[in-house]
Amino acid sequence: VREEMFLEARFGDSFRSWAREVPAL
């Protein structure tokens, strides 16, 4: 959660698009 909050703040829509398509576990 901590890492993904940082990545979303850093990469914005690019991260959100990747996170929607790629499962976490």
PDBML (XML) file of the C-alpha atoms, coordinates in Angstrom:
<?xml version="1.0" encoding="UTF-8" ?>
<PDBx:datablock datablockName="MODEL"
   xmlns:PDBx="http://pdbml.pdb.org/schema/pdbx-v50.xsd"
   xmlns:xsi="http://www.w3.org/2001/XMLSchema-instance"
   xsi:schemaLocation="http://pdbml.pdb.org/schema/pdbx-v50.xsd pdbx-v50.xsd">
   <PDBx:atom_siteCategory>
      <PDBx:atom_site id="1">
         <PDBx:B_iso_or_equiv>0.00</PDBx:B_iso_or_equiv>
         <PDBx:Cartn_x>0.000</PDBx:Cartn_x>
         <PDBx:Cartn_y>0.000</PDBx:Cartn_y>
         <PDBx:Cartn_z>0.000</PDBx:Cartn_z>
         <PDBx:auth_asym_id>A</PDBx:auth_asym_id>
         <PDBx:auth_atom_id>CA</PDBx:auth_atom_id>
         <PDBx:auth_comp_id>VAL</PDBx:auth_comp_id>
         <PDBx:auth_seq_id>1</PDBx:auth_seq_id>
         <PDBx:group_PDB>ATOM</PDBx:group_PDB>
         <PDBx:label_alt_id xsi:nil="true" />
         <PDBx:label_asym_id>A</PDBx:label_asym_id>
         <PDBx:label_atom_id>CA</PDBx:label_atom_id>
         <PDBx:label_comp_id>VAL</PDBx:label_comp_id>
         <PDBx:label_entity_id>1</PDBx:label_entity_id>
         <PDBx:label_seq_id>1</PDBx:label_seq_id>
         <PDBx:occupancy>1.00</PDBx:occupancy>
         <PDBx:pdbx_PDB_model_num>1</PDBx:pdbx_PDB_model_num>
         <PDBx:type_symbol>C</PDBx:type_symbol>
      </PDBx:atom_site>
      <PDBx:atom_site id="2">
         <PDBx:B_iso_or_equiv>0.00</PDBx:B_iso_or_equiv>
         <PDBx:Cartn_x>2.821</PDBx:Cartn_x>
         <PDBx:Cartn_y>2.385</PDBx:Cartn_y>
         <PDBx:Cartn_z>0.900</PDBx:Cartn_z>
         <PDBx:auth_asym_id>A</PDBx:auth_asym_id>
         <PDBx:auth_atom_id>CA</PDBx:auth_atom_id>
         <PDBx:auth_comp_id>ARG</PDBx:auth_comp_id>
         <PDBx:auth_seq_id>2</PDBx:auth_seq_id>
         <PDBx:group_PDB>ATOM</PDBx:group_PDB>
         <PDBx:label_alt_id xsi:nil="true" />
         <PDBx:label_asym_id>A</PDBx:label_asym_id>
         <PDBx:label_atom_id>CA</PDBx:label_atom_id>
         <PDBx:label_comp_id>ARG</PDBx:label_comp_id>
         <PDBx:label_entity_id>1</PDBx:label_entity_id>
         <PDBx:label_seq_id>2</PDBx:label_seq_id>
         <PDBx:occupancy>1.00</PDBx:occupancy>
         <PDBx:pdbx_PDB_model_num>1</PDBx:pdbx_PDB_model_num>
         <PDBx:type_symbol>C</PDBx:type_symbol>
      </PDBx:atom_site>
      <PDBx:atom_site id="3">
         <PDBx:B_iso_or_equiv>0.00</PDBx:B_iso_or_equiv>
         <PDBx:Cartn_x>4.677</PDBx:Cartn_x>
         <PDBx:Cartn_y>1.629</PDBx:Cartn_y>
         <PDBx:Cartn_z>-2.331</PDBx:Cartn_z>
         <PDBx:auth_asym_id>A</PDBx:auth_asym_id>
         <PDBx:auth_atom_id>CA</PDBx:auth_atom_id>
         <PDBx:auth_comp_id>GLU</PDBx:auth_comp_id>
         <PDBx:auth_seq_id>3</PDBx:auth_seq_id>
         <PDBx:group_PDB>ATOM</PDBx:group_PDB>
         <PDBx:label_alt_id xsi:nil="true" />
         <PDBx:label_asym_id>A</PDBx:label_asym_id>
         <PDBx:label_atom_id>CA</PDBx:label_atom_id>
         <PDBx:label_comp_id>GLU</PDBx:label_comp_id>
         <PDBx:label_entity_id>1</PDBx:label_entity_id>
         <PDBx:label_seq_id>3</PDBx:label_seq_id>
         <PDBx:occupancy>1.00</PDBx:occupancy>
         <PDBx:pdbx_PDB_model_num>1</PDBx:pdbx_PDB_model_num>
         <PDBx:type_symbol>C</PDBx:type_symbol>
      </PDBx:atom_site>
      <PDBx:atom_site id="4">
         <PDBx:B_iso_or_equiv>0.00</PDBx:B_iso_or_equiv>
         <PDBx:Cartn_x>1.638</PDBx:Cartn_x>
         <PDBx:Cartn_y>1.962</PDBx:Cartn_y>
         <PDBx:Cartn_z>-4.541</PDBx:Cartn_z>
         <PDBx:auth_asym_id>A</PDBx:auth_asym_id>
         <PDBx:auth_atom_id>CA</PDBx:auth_atom_id>
         <PDBx:auth_comp_id>GLU</PDBx:auth_comp_id>
         <PDBx:auth_seq_id>4</PDBx:auth_seq_id>
         <PDBx:group_PDB>ATOM</PDBx:group_PDB>
         <PDBx:label_alt_id xsi:nil="true" />
         <PDBx:label_asym_id>A</PDBx:label_asym_id>
         <PDBx:label_atom_id>CA</PDBx:label_atom_id>
         <PDBx:label_comp_id>GLU</PDBx:label_comp_id>
         <PDBx:label_entity_id>1</PDBx:label_entity_id>
         <PDBx:label_seq_id>4</PDBx:label_seq_id>
         <PDBx:occupancy>1.00</PDBx:occupancy>
         <PDBx:pdbx_PDB_model_num>1</PDBx:pdbx_PDB_model_num>
         <PDBx:type_symbol>C</PDBx:type_symbol>
      </PDBx:atom_site>
      <PDBx:atom_site id="5">
         <PDBx:B_iso_or_equiv>0.00</PDBx:B_iso_or_equiv>
         <PDBx:Cartn_x>0.705</PDBx:Cartn_x>
         <PDBx:Cartn_y>5.296</PDBx:Cartn_y>
         <PDBx:Cartn_z>-2.982</PDBx:Cartn_z>
         <PDBx:auth_asym_id>A</PDBx:auth_asym_id>
         <PDBx:auth_atom_id>CA</PDBx:auth_atom_id>
         <PDBx:auth_comp_id>MET</PDBx:auth_comp_id>
         <PDBx:auth_seq_id>5</PDBx:auth_seq_id>
         <PDBx:group_PDB>ATOM</PDBx:group_PDB>
         <PDBx:label_alt_id xsi:nil="true" />
         <PDBx:label_asym_id>A</PDBx:label_asym_id>
         <PDBx:label_atom_id>CA</PDBx:label_atom_id>
         <PDBx:label_comp_id>MET</PDBx:label_comp_id>
         <PDBx:label_entity_id>1</PDBx:label_entity_id>
         <PDBx:label_seq_id>5</PDBx:label_seq_id>
         <PDBx:occupancy>1.00</PDBx:occupancy>
         <PDBx:pdbx_PDB_model_num>1</PDBx:pdbx_PDB_model_num>
         <PDBx:type_symbol>C</PDBx:type_symbol>
      </PDBx:atom_site>
      <PDBx:atom_site id="6">
         <PDBx:B_iso_or_equiv>0.00</PDBx:B_iso_or_equiv>
         <PDBx:Cartn_x>4.182</PDBx:Cartn_x>
         <PDBx:Cartn_y>6.547</PDBx:Cartn_y>
         <PDBx:Cartn_z>-3.884</PDBx:Cartn_z>
         <PDBx:auth_asym_id>A</PDBx:auth_asym_id>
         <PDBx:auth_atom_id>CA</PDBx:auth_atom_id>
         <PDBx:auth_comp_id>PHE</PDBx:auth_comp_id>
         <PDBx:auth_seq_id>6</PDBx:auth_seq_id>
         <PDBx:group_PDB>ATOM</PDBx:group_PDB>
         <PDBx:label_alt_id xsi:nil="true" />
         <PDBx:label_asym_id>A</PDBx:label_asym_id>
         <PDBx:label_atom_id>CA</PDBx:label_atom_id>
         <PDBx:label_comp_id>PHE</PDBx:label_comp_id>
         <PDBx:label_entity_id>1</PDBx:label_entity_id>
         <PDBx:label_seq_id>6</PDBx:label_seq_id>
         <PDBx:occupancy>1.00</PDBx:occupancy>
         <PDBx:pdbx_PDB_model_num>1</PDBx:pdbx_PDB_model_num>
         <PDBx:type_symbol>C</PDBx:type_symbol>
      </PDBx:atom_site>
      <PDBx:atom_site id="7">
         <PDBx:B_iso_or_equiv>0.00</PDBx:B_iso_or_equiv>
         <PDBx:Cartn_x>3.987</PDBx:Cartn_x>
         <PDBx:Cartn_y>5.127</PDBx:Cartn_y>
         <PDBx:Cartn_z>-7.412</PDBx:Cartn_z>
         <PDBx:auth_asym_id>A</PDBx:auth_asym_id>
         <PDBx:auth_atom_id>CA</PDBx:auth_atom_id>
         <PDBx:auth_comp_id>LEU</PDBx:auth_comp_id>
         <PDBx:auth_seq_id>7</PDBx:auth_seq_id>
         <PDBx:group_PDB>ATOM</PDBx:group_PDB>
         <PDBx:label_alt_id xsi:nil="true" />
         <PDBx:label_asym_id>A</PDBx:label_asym_id>
         <PDBx:label_atom_id>CA</PDBx:label_atom_id>
         <PDBx:label_comp_id>LEU</PDBx:label_comp_id>
         <PDBx:label_entity_id>1</PDBx:label_entity_id>
         <PDBx:label_seq_id>7</PDBx:label_seq_id>
         <PDBx:occupancy>1.00</PDBx:occupancy>
         <PDBx:pdbx_PDB_model_num>1</PDBx:pdbx_PDB_model_num>
         <PDBx:type_symbol>C</PDBx:type_symbol>
      </PDBx:atom_site>
      <PDBx:atom_site id="8">
         <PDBx:B_iso_or_equiv>0.00</PDBx:B_iso_or_equiv>
         <PDBx:Cartn_x>0.566</PDBx:Cartn_x>
         <PDBx:Cartn_y>6.641</PDBx:Cartn_y>
         <PDBx:Cartn_z>-8.055</PDBx:Cartn_z>
         <PDBx:auth_asym_id>A</PDBx:auth_asym_id>
         <PDBx:auth_atom_id>CA</PDBx:auth_atom_id>
         <PDBx:auth_comp_id>GLU</PDBx:auth_comp_id>
         <PDBx:auth_seq_id>8</PDBx:auth_seq_id>
         <PDBx:group_PDB>ATOM</PDBx:group_PDB>
         <PDBx:label_alt_id xsi:nil="true" />
         <PDBx:label_asym_id>A</PDBx:label_asym_id>
         <PDBx:label_atom_id>CA</PDBx:label_atom_id>
         <PDBx:label_comp_id>GLU</PDBx:label_comp_id>
         <PDBx:label_entity_id>1</PDBx:label_entity_id>
         <PDBx:label_seq_id>8</PDBx:label_seq_id>
         <PDBx:occupancy>1.00</PDBx:occupancy>
         <PDBx:pdbx_PDB_model_num>1</PDBx:pdbx_PDB_model_num>
         <PDBx:type_symbol>C</PDBx:type_symbol>
      </PDBx:atom_site>
      <PDBx:atom_site id="9">
         <PDBx:B_iso_or_equiv>0.00</PDBx:B_iso_or_equiv>
         <PDBx:Cartn_x>1.783</PDBx:Cartn_x>
         <PDBx:Cartn_y>10.044</PDBx:Cartn_y>
         <PDBx:Cartn_z>-6.908</PDBx:Cartn_z>
         <PDBx:auth_asym_id>A</PDBx:auth_asym_id>
         <PDBx:auth_atom_id>CA</PDBx:auth_atom_id>
         <PDBx:auth_comp_id>ALA</PDBx:auth_comp_id>
         <PDBx:auth_seq_id>9</PDBx:auth_seq_id>
         <PDBx:group_PDB>ATOM</PDBx:group_PDB>
         <PDBx:label_alt_id xsi:nil="true" />
         <PDBx:label_asym_id>A</PDBx:label_asym_id>
         <PDBx:label_atom_id>CA</PDBx:label_atom_id>
         <PDBx:label_comp_id>ALA</PDBx:label_comp_id>
         <PDBx:label_entity_id>1</PDBx:label_entity_id>
         <PDBx:label_seq_id>9</PDBx:label_seq_id>
         <PDBx:occupancy>1.00</PDBx:occupancy>
         <PDBx:pdbx_PDB_model_num>1</PDBx:pdbx_PDB_model_num>
         <PDBx:type_symbol>C</PDBx:type_symbol>
      </PDBx:atom_site>
      <PDBx:atom_site id="10">
         <PDBx:B_iso_or_equiv>0.00</PDBx:B_iso_or_equiv>
         <PDBx:Cartn_x>4.924</PDBx:Cartn_x>
         <PDBx:Cartn_y>9.697</PDBx:Cartn_y>
         <PDBx:Cartn_z>-9.039</PDBx:Cartn_z>
         <PDBx:auth_asym_id>A</PDBx:auth_asym_id>
         <PDBx:auth_atom_id>CA</PDBx:auth_atom_id>
         <PDBx:auth_comp_id>ARG</PDBx:auth_comp_id>
         <PDBx:auth_seq_id>10</PDBx:auth_seq_id>
         <PDBx:group_PDB>ATOM</PDBx:group_PDB>
         <PDBx:label_alt_id xsi:nil="true" />
         <PDBx:label_asym_id>A</PDBx:label_asym_id>
         <PDBx:label_atom_id>CA</PDBx:label_atom_id>
         <PDBx:label_comp_id>ARG</PDBx:label_comp_id>
         <PDBx:label_entity_id>1</PDBx:label_entity_id>
         <PDBx:label_seq_id>10</PDBx:label_seq_id>
         <PDBx:occupancy>1.00</PDBx:occupancy>
         <PDBx:pdbx_PDB_model_num>1</PDBx:pdbx_PDB_model_num>
         <PDBx:type_symbol>C</PDBx:type_symbol>
      </PDBx:atom_site>
      <PDBx:atom_site id="11">
         <PDBx:B_iso_or_equiv>0.00</PDBx:B_iso_or_equiv>
         <PDBx:Cartn_x>3.467</PDBx:Cartn_x>
         <PDBx:Cartn_y>8.249</PDBx:Cartn_y>
         <PDBx:Cartn_z>-12.262</PDBx:Cartn_z>
         <PDBx:auth_asym_id>A</PDBx:auth_asym_id>
         <PDBx:auth_atom_id>CA</PDBx:auth_atom_id>
         <PDBx:auth_comp_id>PHE</PDBx:auth_comp_id>
         <PDBx:auth_seq_id>11</PDBx:auth_seq_id>
         <PDBx:group_PDB>ATOM</PDBx:group_PDB>
         <PDBx:label_alt_id xsi:nil="true" />
         <PDBx:label_asym_id>A</PDBx:label_asym_id>
         <PDBx:label_atom_id>CA</PDBx:label_atom_id>
         <PDBx:label_comp_id>PHE</PDBx:label_comp_id>
         <PDBx:label_entity_id>1</PDBx:label_entity_id>
         <PDBx:label_seq_id>11</PDBx:label_seq_id>
         <PDBx:occupancy>1.00</PDBx:occupancy>
         <PDBx:pdbx_PDB_model_num>1</PDBx:pdbx_PDB_model_num>
         <PDBx:type_symbol>C</PDBx:type_symbol>
      </PDBx:atom_site>
      <PDBx:atom_site id="12">
         <PDBx:B_iso_or_equiv>0.00</PDBx:B_iso_or_equiv>
         <PDBx:Cartn_x>-0.235</PDBx:Cartn_x>
         <PDBx:Cartn_y>9.152</PDBx:Cartn_y>
         <PDBx:Cartn_z>-12.077</PDBx:Cartn_z>
         <PDBx:auth_asym_id>A</PDBx:auth_asym_id>
         <PDBx:auth_atom_id>CA</PDBx:auth_atom_id>
         <PDBx:auth_comp_id>GLY</PDBx:auth_comp_id>
         <PDBx:auth_seq_id>12</PDBx:auth_seq_id>
         <PDBx:group_PDB>ATOM</PDBx:group_PDB>
         <PDBx:label_alt_id xsi:nil="true" />
         <PDBx:label_asym_id>A</PDBx:label_asym_id>
         <PDBx:label_atom_id>CA</PDBx:label_atom_id>
         <PDBx:label_comp_id>GLY</PDBx:label_comp_id>
         <PDBx:label_entity_id>1</PDBx:label_entity_id>
         <PDBx:label_seq_id>12</PDBx:label_seq_id>
         <PDBx:occupancy>1.00</PDBx:occupancy>
         <PDBx:pdbx_PDB_model_num>1</PDBx:pdbx_PDB_model_num>
         <PDBx:type_symbol>C</PDBx:type_symbol>
      </PDBx:atom_site>
      <PDBx:atom_site id="13">
         <PDBx:B_iso_or_equiv>0.00</PDBx:B_iso_or_equiv>
         <PDBx:Cartn_x>-2.348</PDBx:Cartn_x>
         <PDBx:Cartn_y>7.767</PDBx:Cartn_y>
         <PDBx:Cartn_z>-14.916</PDBx:Cartn_z>
         <PDBx:auth_asym_id>A</PDBx:auth_asym_id>
         <PDBx:auth_atom_id>CA</PDBx:auth_atom_id>
         <PDBx:auth_comp_id>ASP</PDBx:auth_comp_id>
         <PDBx:auth_seq_id>13</PDBx:auth_seq_id>
         <PDBx:group_PDB>ATOM</PDBx:group_PDB>
         <PDBx:label_alt_id xsi:nil="true" />
         <PDBx:label_asym_id>A</PDBx:label_asym_id>
         <PDBx:label_atom_id>CA</PDBx:label_atom_id>
         <PDBx:label_comp_id>ASP</PDBx:label_comp_id>
         <PDBx:label_entity_id>1</PDBx:label_entity_id>
         <PDBx:label_seq_id>13</PDBx:label_seq_id>
         <PDBx:occupancy>1.00</PDBx:occupancy>
         <PDBx:pdbx_PDB_model_num>1</PDBx:pdbx_PDB_model_num>
         <PDBx:type_symbol>C</PDBx:type_symbol>
      </PDBx:atom_site>
      <PDBx:atom_site id="14">
         <PDBx:B_iso_or_equiv>0.00</PDBx:B_iso_or_equiv>
         <PDBx:Cartn_x>0.445</PDBx:Cartn_x>
         <PDBx:Cartn_y>5.484</PDBx:Cartn_y>
         <PDBx:Cartn_z>-16.125</PDBx:Cartn_z>
         <PDBx:auth_asym_id>A</PDBx:auth_asym_id>
         <PDBx:auth_atom_id>CA</PDBx:auth_atom_id>
         <PDBx:auth_comp_id>SER</PDBx:auth_comp_id>
         <PDBx:auth_seq_id>14</PDBx:auth_seq_id>
         <PDBx:group_PDB>ATOM</PDBx:group_PDB>
         <PDBx:label_alt_id xsi:nil="true" />
         <PDBx:label_asym_id>A</PDBx:label_asym_id>
         <PDBx:label_atom_id>CA</PDBx:label_atom_id>
         <PDBx:label_comp_id>SER</PDBx:label_comp_id>
         <PDBx:label_entity_id>1</PDBx:label_entity_id>
         <PDBx:label_seq_id>14</PDBx:label_seq_id>
         <PDBx:occupancy>1.00</PDBx:occupancy>
         <PDBx:pdbx_PDB_model_num>1</PDBx:pdbx_PDB_model_num>
         <PDBx:type_symbol>C</PDBx:type_symbol>
      </PDBx:atom_site>
      <PDBx:atom_site id="15">
         <PDBx:B_iso_or_equiv>0.00</PDBx:B_iso_or_equiv>
         <PDBx:Cartn_x>0.464</PDBx:Cartn_x>
         <PDBx:Cartn_y>3.712</PDBx:Cartn_y>
         <PDBx:Cartn_z>-12.786</PDBx:Cartn_z>
         <PDBx:auth_asym_id>A</PDBx:auth_asym_id>
         <PDBx:auth_atom_id>CA</PDBx:auth_atom_id>
         <PDBx:auth_comp_id>PHE</PDBx:auth_comp_id>
         <PDBx:auth_seq_id>15</PDBx:auth_seq_id>
         <PDBx:group_PDB>ATOM</PDBx:group_PDB>
         <PDBx:label_alt_id xsi:nil="true" />
         <PDBx:label_asym_id>A</PDBx:label_asym_id>
         <PDBx:label_atom_id>CA</PDBx:label_atom_id>
         <PDBx:label_comp_id>PHE</PDBx:label_comp_id>
         <PDBx:label_entity_id>1</PDBx:label_entity_id>
         <PDBx:label_seq_id>15</PDBx:label_seq_id>
         <PDBx:occupancy>1.00</PDBx:occupancy>
         <PDBx:pdbx_PDB_model_num>1</PDBx:pdbx_PDB_model_num>
         <PDBx:type_symbol>C</PDBx:type_symbol>
      </PDBx:atom_site>
      <PDBx:atom_site id="16">
         <PDBx:B_iso_or_equiv>0.00</PDBx:B_iso_or_equiv>
         <PDBx:Cartn_x>-3.337</PDBx:Cartn_x>
         <PDBx:Cartn_y>3.572</PDBx:Cartn_y>
         <PDBx:Cartn_z>-12.555</PDBx:Cartn_z>
         <PDBx:auth_asym_id>A</PDBx:auth_asym_id>
         <PDBx:auth_atom_id>CA</PDBx:auth_atom_id>
         <PDBx:auth_comp_id>ARG</PDBx:auth_comp_id>
         <PDBx:auth_seq_id>16</PDBx:auth_seq_id>
         <PDBx:group_PDB>ATOM</PDBx:group_PDB>
         <PDBx:label_alt_id xsi:nil="true" />
         <PDBx:label_asym_id>A</PDBx:label_asym_id>
         <PDBx:label_atom_id>CA</PDBx:label_atom_id>
         <PDBx:label_comp_id>ARG</PDBx:label_comp_id>
         <PDBx:label_entity_id>1</PDBx:label_entity_id>
         <PDBx:label_seq_id>16</PDBx:label_seq_id>
         <PDBx:occupancy>1.00</PDBx:occupancy>
         <PDBx:pdbx_PDB_model_num>1</PDBx:pdbx_PDB_model_num>
         <PDBx:type_symbol>C</PDBx:type_symbol>
      </PDBx:atom_site>
      <PDBx:atom_site id="17">
         <PDBx:B_iso_or_equiv>0.00</PDBx:B_iso_or_equiv>
         <PDBx:Cartn_x>-3.599</PDBx:Cartn_x>
         <PDBx:Cartn_y>2.060</PDBx:Cartn_y>
         <PDBx:Cartn_z>-16.025</PDBx:Cartn_z>
         <PDBx:auth_asym_id>A</PDBx:auth_asym_id>
         <PDBx:auth_atom_id>CA</PDBx:auth_atom_id>
         <PDBx:auth_comp_id>SER</PDBx:auth_comp_id>
         <PDBx:auth_seq_id>17</PDBx:auth_seq_id>
         <PDBx:group_PDB>ATOM</PDBx:group_PDB>
         <PDBx:label_alt_id xsi:nil="true" />
         <PDBx:label_asym_id>A</PDBx:label_asym_id>
         <PDBx:label_atom_id>CA</PDBx:label_atom_id>
         <PDBx:label_comp_id>SER</PDBx:label_comp_id>
         <PDBx:label_entity_id>1</PDBx:label_entity_id>
         <PDBx:label_seq_id>17</PDBx:label_seq_id>
         <PDBx:occupancy>1.00</PDBx:occupancy>
         <PDBx:pdbx_PDB_model_num>1</PDBx:pdbx_PDB_model_num>
         <PDBx:type_symbol>C</PDBx:type_symbol>
      </PDBx:atom_site>
      <PDBx:atom_site id="18">
         <PDBx:B_iso_or_equiv>0.00</PDBx:B_iso_or_equiv>
         <PDBx:Cartn_x>-0.943</PDBx:Cartn_x>
         <PDBx:Cartn_y>-0.547</PDBx:Cartn_y>
         <PDBx:Cartn_z>-15.198</PDBx:Cartn_z>
         <PDBx:auth_asym_id>A</PDBx:auth_asym_id>
         <PDBx:auth_atom_id>CA</PDBx:auth_atom_id>
         <PDBx:auth_comp_id>TRP</PDBx:auth_comp_id>
         <PDBx:auth_seq_id>18</PDBx:auth_seq_id>
         <PDBx:group_PDB>ATOM</PDBx:group_PDB>
         <PDBx:label_alt_id xsi:nil="true" />
         <PDBx:label_asym_id>A</PDBx:label_asym_id>
         <PDBx:label_atom_id>CA</PDBx:label_atom_id>
         <PDBx:label_comp_id>TRP</PDBx:label_comp_id>
         <PDBx:label_entity_id>1</PDBx:label_entity_id>
         <PDBx:label_seq_id>18</PDBx:label_seq_id>
         <PDBx:occupancy>1.00</PDBx:occupancy>
         <PDBx:pdbx_PDB_model_num>1</PDBx:pdbx_PDB_model_num>
         <PDBx:type_symbol>C</PDBx:type_symbol>
      </PDBx:atom_site>
      <PDBx:atom_site id="19">
         <PDBx:B_iso_or_equiv>0.00</PDBx:B_iso_or_equiv>
         <PDBx:Cartn_x>-2.528</PDBx:Cartn_x>
         <PDBx:Cartn_y>-1.359</PDBx:Cartn_y>
         <PDBx:Cartn_z>-11.823</PDBx:Cartn_z>
         <PDBx:auth_asym_id>A</PDBx:auth_asym_id>
         <PDBx:auth_atom_id>CA</PDBx:auth_atom_id>
         <PDBx:auth_comp_id>ALA</PDBx:auth_comp_id>
         <PDBx:auth_seq_id>19</PDBx:auth_seq_id>
         <PDBx:group_PDB>ATOM</PDBx:group_PDB>
         <PDBx:label_alt_id xsi:nil="true" />
         <PDBx:label_asym_id>A</PDBx:label_asym_id>
         <PDBx:label_atom_id>CA</PDBx:label_atom_id>
         <PDBx:label_comp_id>ALA</PDBx:label_comp_id>
         <PDBx:label_entity_id>1</PDBx:label_entity_id>
         <PDBx:label_seq_id>19</PDBx:label_seq_id>
         <PDBx:occupancy>1.00</PDBx:occupancy>
         <PDBx:pdbx_PDB_model_num>1</PDBx:pdbx_PDB_model_num>
         <PDBx:type_symbol>C</PDBx:type_symbol>
      </PDBx:atom_site>
      <PDBx:atom_site id="20">
         <PDBx:B_iso_or_equiv>0.00</PDBx:B_iso_or_equiv>
         <PDBx:Cartn_x>-5.943</PDBx:Cartn_x>
         <PDBx:Cartn_y>-1.872</PDBx:Cartn_y>
         <PDBx:Cartn_z>-13.414</PDBx:Cartn_z>
         <PDBx:auth_asym_id>A</PDBx:auth_asym_id>
         <PDBx:auth_atom_id>CA</PDBx:auth_atom_id>
         <PDBx:auth_comp_id>ARG</PDBx:auth_comp_id>
         <PDBx:auth_seq_id>20</PDBx:auth_seq_id>
         <PDBx:group_PDB>ATOM</PDBx:group_PDB>
         <PDBx:label_alt_id xsi:nil="true" />
         <PDBx:label_asym_id>A</PDBx:label_asym_id>
         <PDBx:label_atom_id>CA</PDBx:label_atom_id>
         <PDBx:label_comp_id>ARG</PDBx:label_comp_id>
         <PDBx:label_entity_id>1</PDBx:label_entity_id>
         <PDBx:label_seq_id>20</PDBx:label_seq_id>
         <PDBx:occupancy>1.00</PDBx:occupancy>
         <PDBx:pdbx_PDB_model_num>1</PDBx:pdbx_PDB_model_num>
         <PDBx:type_symbol>C</PDBx:type_symbol>
      </PDBx:atom_site>
      <PDBx:atom_site id="21">
         <PDBx:B_iso_or_equiv>0.00</PDBx:B_iso_or_equiv>
         <PDBx:Cartn_x>-4.561</PDBx:Cartn_x>
         <PDBx:Cartn_y>-4.405</PDBx:Cartn_y>
         <PDBx:Cartn_z>-15.875</PDBx:Cartn_z>
         <PDBx:auth_asym_id>A</PDBx:auth_asym_id>
         <PDBx:auth_atom_id>CA</PDBx:auth_atom_id>
         <PDBx:auth_comp_id>GLU</PDBx:auth_comp_id>
         <PDBx:auth_seq_id>21</PDBx:auth_seq_id>
         <PDBx:group_PDB>ATOM</PDBx:group_PDB>
         <PDBx:label_alt_id xsi:nil="true" />
         <PDBx:label_asym_id>A</PDBx:label_asym_id>
         <PDBx:label_atom_id>CA</PDBx:label_atom_id>
         <PDBx:label_comp_id>GLU</PDBx:label_comp_id>
         <PDBx:label_entity_id>1</PDBx:label_entity_id>
         <PDBx:label_seq_id>21</PDBx:label_seq_id>
         <PDBx:occupancy>1.00</PDBx:occupancy>
         <PDBx:pdbx_PDB_model_num>1</PDBx:pdbx_PDB_model_num>
         <PDBx:type_symbol>C</PDBx:type_symbol>
      </PDBx:atom_site>
      <PDBx:atom_site id="22">
         <PDBx:B_iso_or_equiv>0.00</PDBx:B_iso_or_equiv>
         <PDBx:Cartn_x>-1.968</PDBx:Cartn_x>
         <PDBx:Cartn_y>-6.259</PDBx:Cartn_y>
         <PDBx:Cartn_z>-13.785</PDBx:Cartn_z>
         <PDBx:auth_asym_id>A</PDBx:auth_asym_id>
         <PDBx:auth_atom_id>CA</PDBx:auth_atom_id>
         <PDBx:auth_comp_id>VAL</PDBx:auth_comp_id>
         <PDBx:auth_seq_id>22</PDBx:auth_seq_id>
         <PDBx:group_PDB>ATOM</PDBx:group_PDB>
         <PDBx:label_alt_id xsi:nil="true" />
         <PDBx:label_asym_id>A</PDBx:label_asym_id>
         <PDBx:label_atom_id>CA</PDBx:label_atom_id>
         <PDBx:label_comp_id>VAL</PDBx:label_comp_id>
         <PDBx:label_entity_id>1</PDBx:label_entity_id>
         <PDBx:label_seq_id>22</PDBx:label_seq_id>
         <PDBx:occupancy>1.00</PDBx:occupancy>
         <PDBx:pdbx_PDB_model_num>1</PDBx:pdbx_PDB_model_num>
         <PDBx:type_symbol>C</PDBx:type_symbol>
      </PDBx:atom_site>
      <PDBx:atom_site id="23">
         <PDBx:B_iso_or_equiv>0.00</PDBx:B_iso_or_equiv>
         <PDBx:Cartn_x>-3.037</PDBx:Cartn_x>
         <PDBx:Cartn_y>-8.252</PDBx:Cartn_y>
         <PDBx:Cartn_z>-10.682</PDBx:Cartn_z>
         <PDBx:auth_asym_id>A</PDBx:auth_asym_id>
         <PDBx:auth_atom_id>CA</PDBx:auth_atom_id>
         <PDBx:auth_comp_id>PRO</PDBx:auth_comp_id>
         <PDBx:auth_seq_id>23</PDBx:auth_seq_id>
         <PDBx:group_PDB>ATOM</PDBx:group_PDB>
         <PDBx:label_alt_id xsi:nil="true" />
         <PDBx:label_asym_id>A</PDBx:label_asym_id>
         <PDBx:label_atom_id>CA</PDBx:label_atom_id>
         <PDBx:label_comp_id>PRO</PDBx:label_comp_id>
         <PDBx:label_entity_id>1</PDBx:label_entity_id>
         <PDBx:label_seq_id>23</PDBx:label_seq_id>
         <PDBx:occupancy>1.00</PDBx:occupancy>
         <PDBx:pdbx_PDB_model_num>1</PDBx:pdbx_PDB_model_num>
         <PDBx:type_symbol>C</PDBx:type_symbol>
      </PDBx:atom_site>
      <PDBx:atom_site id="24">
         <PDBx:B_iso_or_equiv>0.00</PDBx:B_iso_or_equiv>
         <PDBx:Cartn_x>-1.239</PDBx:Cartn_x>
         <PDBx:Cartn_y>-7.659</PDBx:Cartn_y>
         <PDBx:Cartn_z>-7.416</PDBx:Cartn_z>
         <PDBx:auth_asym_id>A</PDBx:auth_asym_id>
         <PDBx:auth_atom_id>CA</PDBx:auth_atom_id>
         <PDBx:auth_comp_id>ALA</PDBx:auth_comp_id>
         <PDBx:auth_seq_id>24</PDBx:auth_seq_id>
         <PDBx:group_PDB>ATOM</PDBx:group_PDB>
         <PDBx:label_alt_id xsi:nil="true" />
         <PDBx:label_asym_id>A</PDBx:label_asym_id>
         <PDBx:label_atom_id>CA</PDBx:label_atom_id>
         <PDBx:label_comp_id>ALA</PDBx:label_comp_id>
         <PDBx:label_entity_id>1</PDBx:label_entity_id>
         <PDBx:label_seq_id>24</PDBx:label_seq_id>
         <PDBx:occupancy>1.00</PDBx:occupancy>
         <PDBx:pdbx_PDB_model_num>1</PDBx:pdbx_PDB_model_num>
         <PDBx:type_symbol>C</PDBx:type_symbol>
      </PDBx:atom_site>
      <PDBx:atom_site id="25">
         <PDBx:B_iso_or_equiv>0.00</PDBx:B_iso_or_equiv>
         <PDBx:Cartn_x>-0.683</PDBx:Cartn_x>
         <PDBx:Cartn_y>-11.224</PDBx:Cartn_y>
         <PDBx:Cartn_z>-6.236</PDBx:Cartn_z>
         <PDBx:auth_asym_id>A</PDBx:auth_asym_id>
         <PDBx:auth_atom_id>CA</PDBx:auth_atom_id>
         <PDBx:auth_comp_id>LEU</PDBx:auth_comp_id>
         <PDBx:auth_seq_id>25</PDBx:auth_seq_id>
         <PDBx:group_PDB>ATOM</PDBx:group_PDB>
         <PDBx:label_alt_id xsi:nil="true" />
         <PDBx:label_asym_id>A</PDBx:label_asym_id>
         <PDBx:label_atom_id>CA</PDBx:label_atom_id>
         <PDBx:label_comp_id>LEU</PDBx:label_comp_id>
         <PDBx:label_entity_id>1</PDBx:label_entity_id>
         <PDBx:label_seq_id>25</PDBx:label_seq_id>
         <PDBx:occupancy>1.00</PDBx:occupancy>
         <PDBx:pdbx_PDB_model_num>1</PDBx:pdbx_PDB_model_num>
         <PDBx:type_symbol>C</PDBx:type_symbol>
      </PDBx:atom_site>
   </PDBx:atom_siteCategory>
</PDBx:datablock>
